Amino acid sequence: MATKKTSSSAKSGAASKRSGASTSSRKPTTAKKPTTAAKKSAPAKKSAPAKKSAPAKKSAPAKKSAPAKKKPASPFDVGDKVVYPHHGAAVIIKKERREFDGARTDFFVLDVATDQLVLRVPVENAAELGVRPVISKAAARKVFATFKDDPQEAGSNWSRWYKLLTEKINSGDIYQVAEVVRDLTYAQQTKGISPALKRMLSKARLILTSELRFALDVSEEEATKKLDRALPKVEVPDGV
């Protein structure tokens, strides 16, 4: 009876060893790696660099408005003694503003010495219209010297000569006016002249004496006497 007990206990011990051995030899089970690894997200595409905006064009600087041109100062003033072509010497008695061609314009008022005439000349272009100062005393002596030169005669082309005389008298040049007086005086003394030429001679003498009067500071009568004394006298043979 005792023997049986031993063998049964031994069996139970061996069985327990086996079971212990089996327990100890088993490796602990580890969690299996996931078969599918999470896919790495694709890197975000770099956004294309923003295009640089073209620099704004500089606006062209505003053109400066040209400064208003100053009107040139007139060489004349009220009280001056001047000469106006075809009319002779005059005095600027005043300056006035009048409506002309739709604009307000300044005028010189000229009192002509010989014709008892009043003229108005735009201040801005008086010189362009031929207005000039009266000659000096020295220039007046040169005018008298013109009478000593040989006169120019009409010749065969009378109409051309008449035209030349007319241009000279309207030129405003006192030396040319003196030539008209010299030539027509000579023609009158030697051959006689037409009524038209007599009127031209009278006009030329008035223009000449009016300026000599102011240049020499003498009266009109005295200026006329000086002119007559300076003109040569032509001796006309009897019977001519």
Protein backbone atom coordinates (compact mmCIF):
# COMPACT_ATOMS: atom_id res chain seq x y z
CA MET A 1 0.00 0.00 0.00
CA ALA A 2 2.87 2.30 0.84
CA THR A 3 4.60 1.61 -2.43
CA LYS A 4 1.71 2.60 -4.48
CA LYS A 5 1.48 5.91 -2.72
CA THR A 6 5.10 6.75 -3.52
CA SER A 7 4.76 6.05 -7.11
CA SER A 8 1.71 8.14 -7.42
CA SER A 9 3.34 11.09 -5.74
CA ALA A 10 6.35 10.73 -7.88
CA LYS A 11 4.19 10.81 -10.93
CA SER A 12 2.48 13.88 -9.71
CA GLY A 13 5.86 15.54 -9.08
CA ALA A 14 7.10 14.69 -12.48
CA ALA A 15 3.98 15.94 -13.97
CA SER A 16 4.34 19.18 -12.12
CA LYS A 17 7.94 19.58 -13.38
CA ARG A 18 6.81 19.05 -16.90
CA SER A 19 4.16 21.56 -16.53
CA GLY A 20 6.64 23.99 -14.94
CA ALA A 21 9.15 23.39 -17.57
CA SER A 22 6.74 23.96 -20.22
CA THR A 23 5.62 27.16 -18.62
CA SER A 24 9.07 28.53 -18.22
CA SER A 25 10.28 27.70 -21.70
CA ARG A 26 7.60 29.58 -23.54
CA LYS A 27 8.77 32.90 -24.86
CA PRO A 28 6.52 35.81 -24.26
CA THR A 29 4.60 36.68 -27.36
CA THR A 30 5.38 40.18 -28.69
CA ALA A 31 2.87 42.29 -30.58
CA LYS A 32 3.36 41.81 -34.24
CA LYS A 33 4.37 44.84 -36.20
CA PRO A 34 1.58 46.04 -38.37
CA THR A 35 1.97 44.60 -41.76
CA THR A 36 1.18 47.78 -43.47
CA ALA A 37 3.15 50.73 -42.33
CA ALA A 38 1.40 54.01 -42.61
CA LYS A 39 2.48 55.60 -45.86
CA LYS A 40 4.45 58.70 -45.41
CA SER A 41 2.47 61.62 -46.62
CA ALA A 42 4.01 63.09 -49.76
CA PRO A 43 5.84 66.33 -49.06
CA ALA A 44 3.79 69.36 -49.98
CA LYS A 45 4.84 70.80 -53.29
CA LYS A 46 6.63 74.02 -52.96
CA SER A 47 4.42 76.74 -54.22
CA ALA A 48 5.91 78.60 -57.17
CA PRO A 49 7.47 81.85 -56.05
CA ALA A 50 5.16 84.77 -56.65
CA LYS A 51 6.12 86.71 -59.73
CA LYS A 52 7.58 90.00 -58.88
CA SER A 53 5.22 92.70 -59.96
CA ALA A 54 6.76 95.06 -62.50
CA PRO A 55 7.70 98.32 -60.88
CA ALA A 56 5.13 100.98 -61.55
CA LYS A 57 6.22 103.27 -64.33
CA LYS A 58 7.13 106.65 -63.09
CA SER A 59 4.64 109.11 -64.33
CA ALA A 60 6.23 111.69 -66.56
CA PRO A 61 6.77 114.89 -64.66
CA ALA A 62 4.19 117.47 -65.52
CA LYS A 63 5.55 119.91 -68.05
CA LYS A 64 6.15 123.26 -66.58
CA SER A 65 4.04 125.80 -68.27
CA ALA A 66 6.19 128.26 -70.14
CA PRO A 67 6.35 131.57 -68.34
CA ALA A 68 4.37 134.27 -70.02
CA LYS A 69 6.58 136.28 -72.29
CA LYS A 70 7.07 139.75 -71.09
CA LYS A 71 6.19 142.35 -73.62
CA PRO A 72 9.30 144.27 -74.61
CA ALA A 73 9.40 147.72 -73.16
CA SER A 74 8.68 150.41 -75.71
CA PRO A 75 11.61 152.71 -76.53
CA PHE A 76 9.18 155.62 -76.54
CA ASP A 77 7.26 157.46 -73.85
CA VAL A 78 4.79 160.27 -73.50
CA GLY A 79 6.41 163.61 -74.36
CA ASP A 80 8.92 162.15 -76.85
CA LYS A 81 9.42 163.76 -80.24
CA VAL A 82 9.30 161.11 -82.94
CA VAL A 83 8.91 160.71 -86.69
CA TYR A 84 6.13 158.73 -88.36
CA PRO A 85 6.67 157.69 -92.02
CA HIS A 86 4.88 159.82 -94.62
CA HIS A 87 3.64 162.26 -91.95
CA GLY A 88 6.84 163.65 -90.48
CA ALA A 89 7.67 164.71 -86.95
CA ALA A 90 5.16 164.38 -84.12
CA VAL A 91 4.92 164.55 -80.35
CA ILE A 92 3.58 161.67 -78.25
CA ILE A 93 0.98 163.55 -76.24
CA LYS A 94 -0.49 160.63 -74.29
CA LYS A 95 -1.01 156.90 -74.04
CA GLU A 96 -4.48 155.42 -73.98
CA ARG A 97 -6.10 151.98 -73.92
CA ARG A 98 -8.73 151.10 -76.50
CA GLU A 99 -10.64 148.08 -77.72
CA PHE A 100 -8.95 146.80 -80.86
CA ASP A 101 -9.58 143.49 -82.66
CA GLY A 102 -11.36 142.06 -79.62
CA ALA A 103 -8.63 142.96 -77.13
CA ARG A 104 -7.68 145.92 -74.98
CA THR A 105 -4.65 147.55 -76.59
CA ASP A 106 -2.41 150.44 -75.53
CA PHE A 107 -1.88 153.20 -78.08
CA PHE A 108 0.41 156.18 -78.35
CA VAL A 109 -1.44 159.30 -79.43
CA LEU A 110 0.74 161.31 -81.83
CA ASP A 111 0.17 164.98 -82.57
CA VAL A 112 1.69 165.48 -86.05
CA ALA A 113 3.55 168.77 -86.30
CA THR A 114 2.64 169.72 -89.88
CA ASP A 115 -0.73 168.26 -90.83
CA GLN A 116 -2.74 169.18 -87.72
CA LEU A 117 -3.37 165.45 -87.58
CA VAL A 118 -3.70 163.08 -84.64
CA LEU A 119 -2.51 159.49 -85.10
CA ARG A 120 -2.81 156.46 -82.85
CA VAL A 121 -0.07 153.84 -82.97
CA PRO A 122 -0.03 150.57 -80.97
CA VAL A 123 2.57 150.84 -78.22
CA GLU A 124 3.72 147.24 -78.65
CA ASN A 125 4.80 147.53 -82.29
CA ALA A 126 5.32 151.26 -82.80
CA ALA A 127 8.94 150.72 -83.86
CA GLU A 128 7.91 148.01 -86.34
CA LEU A 129 5.53 150.50 -87.96
CA GLY A 130 8.43 152.86 -88.62
CA VAL A 131 8.17 155.23 -85.65
CA ARG A 132 11.67 156.46 -84.76
CA PRO A 133 13.29 159.22 -82.71
CA VAL A 134 14.00 162.63 -84.22
CA ILE A 135 17.55 163.00 -85.59
CA SER A 136 20.27 164.87 -83.71
CA LYS A 137 21.76 168.27 -84.58
CA ALA A 138 24.82 166.56 -86.06
CA ALA A 139 22.59 164.44 -88.31
CA ALA A 140 20.71 167.58 -89.39
CA ARG A 141 23.95 169.02 -90.76
CA LYS A 142 24.41 165.86 -92.85
CA VAL A 143 20.92 166.37 -94.25
CA PHE A 144 21.92 169.81 -95.55
CA ALA A 145 25.05 168.23 -97.07
CA THR A 146 22.78 165.97 -99.17
CA PHE A 147 21.69 169.02 -101.18
CA LYS A 148 25.24 169.47 -102.48
CA ASP A 149 25.18 166.11 -104.27
CA ASP A 150 24.21 166.00 -107.94
CA PRO A 151 20.43 165.61 -108.41
CA GLN A 152 18.92 162.56 -110.10
CA GLU A 153 16.76 163.34 -113.11
CA ALA A 154 13.78 161.50 -114.52
CA GLY A 155 15.42 160.51 -117.78
CA SER A 156 13.34 158.67 -120.34
CA ASN A 157 11.52 156.42 -117.84
CA TRP A 158 9.37 158.99 -116.04
CA SER A 159 6.98 156.48 -114.41
CA ARG A 160 9.86 154.58 -112.85
CA TRP A 161 11.32 157.80 -111.49
CA TYR A 162 7.95 158.79 -110.01
CA LYS A 163 7.68 155.41 -108.29
CA LEU A 164 11.17 155.79 -106.84
CA LEU A 165 10.35 159.24 -105.46
CA THR A 166 7.16 157.91 -103.88
CA GLU A 167 9.04 155.08 -102.15
CA LYS A 168 11.60 157.51 -100.78
CA ILE A 169 9.02 159.90 -99.37
CA ASN A 170 7.19 157.06 -97.62
CA SER A 171 10.35 155.41 -96.26
CA GLY A 172 10.58 157.50 -93.10
CA ASP A 173 14.30 158.02 -93.81
CA ILE A 174 15.06 161.74 -93.64
CA TYR A 175 18.01 161.44 -96.01
CA GLN A 176 15.84 159.87 -98.70
CA VAL A 177 13.20 162.57 -98.17
CA ALA A 178 15.96 165.16 -98.57
CA GLU A 179 16.88 163.57 -101.91
CA VAL A 180 13.27 163.95 -103.09
CA VAL A 181 13.34 167.66 -102.18
CA ARG A 182 16.69 168.12 -103.95
CA ASP A 183 15.68 166.29 -107.15
CA LEU A 184 12.23 167.83 -107.53
CA THR A 185 13.52 171.33 -106.71
CA TYR A 186 16.14 170.98 -109.41
CA ALA A 187 13.57 169.62 -111.91
CA GLN A 188 11.21 172.50 -111.11
CA GLN A 189 13.92 175.10 -111.62
CA THR A 190 15.22 173.65 -114.88
CA LYS A 191 12.28 172.08 -116.72
CA GLY A 192 9.17 172.55 -114.65
CA ILE A 193 7.19 169.74 -113.06
CA SER A 194 3.62 168.43 -113.23
CA PRO A 195 0.96 169.28 -110.61
CA ALA A 196 1.37 165.77 -109.14
CA LEU A 197 5.09 166.30 -108.67
CA LYS A 198 4.48 169.76 -107.21
CA ARG A 199 2.23 168.19 -104.55
CA MET A 200 4.92 165.59 -103.87
CA LEU A 201 7.56 168.31 -103.48
CA SER A 202 5.35 170.26 -101.10
CA LYS A 203 4.76 167.13 -99.01
CA ALA A 204 8.45 166.27 -98.90
CA ARG A 205 9.35 169.81 -97.75
CA LEU A 206 6.79 169.63 -94.92
CA ILE A 207 8.12 166.28 -93.71
CA LEU A 208 11.70 167.53 -93.85
CA THR A 209 11.13 170.87 -92.13
CA SER A 210 9.03 169.27 -89.38
CA GLU A 211 11.96 167.09 -88.30
CA LEU A 212 14.58 169.81 -88.77
CA ARG A 213 12.48 172.03 -86.52
CA PHE A 214 12.71 169.54 -83.63
CA ALA A 215 16.31 168.53 -84.34
CA LEU A 216 17.57 172.11 -84.37
CA ASP A 217 15.06 173.32 -81.76
CA VAL A 218 13.82 176.19 -83.91
CA SER A 219 10.46 177.39 -85.11
CA GLU A 220 8.82 176.02 -88.24
CA GLU A 221 9.48 179.31 -90.02
CA GLU A 222 13.16 179.26 -89.13
CA ALA A 223 13.49 175.63 -90.21
CA THR A 224 11.97 176.52 -93.59
CA LYS A 225 14.45 179.38 -94.07
CA LYS A 226 17.39 177.10 -93.28
CA LEU A 227 16.09 174.59 -95.83
CA ASP A 228 15.76 177.20 -98.57
CA ARG A 229 19.25 178.57 -97.91
CA ALA A 230 20.75 175.07 -98.11
CA LEU A 231 19.10 174.21 -101.43
CA PRO A 232 21.27 175.10 -104.43
CA LYS A 233 20.01 177.75 -106.80
CA VAL A 234 20.13 176.80 -110.41
CA GLU A 235 21.01 179.52 -112.90
CA VAL A 236 18.73 179.06 -115.87
CA PRO A 237 20.07 180.70 -119.07
CA ASP A 238 17.76 183.20 -120.75
CA GLY A 239 15.62 181.78 -123.50
CA VAL A 240 15.58 178.28 -122.05
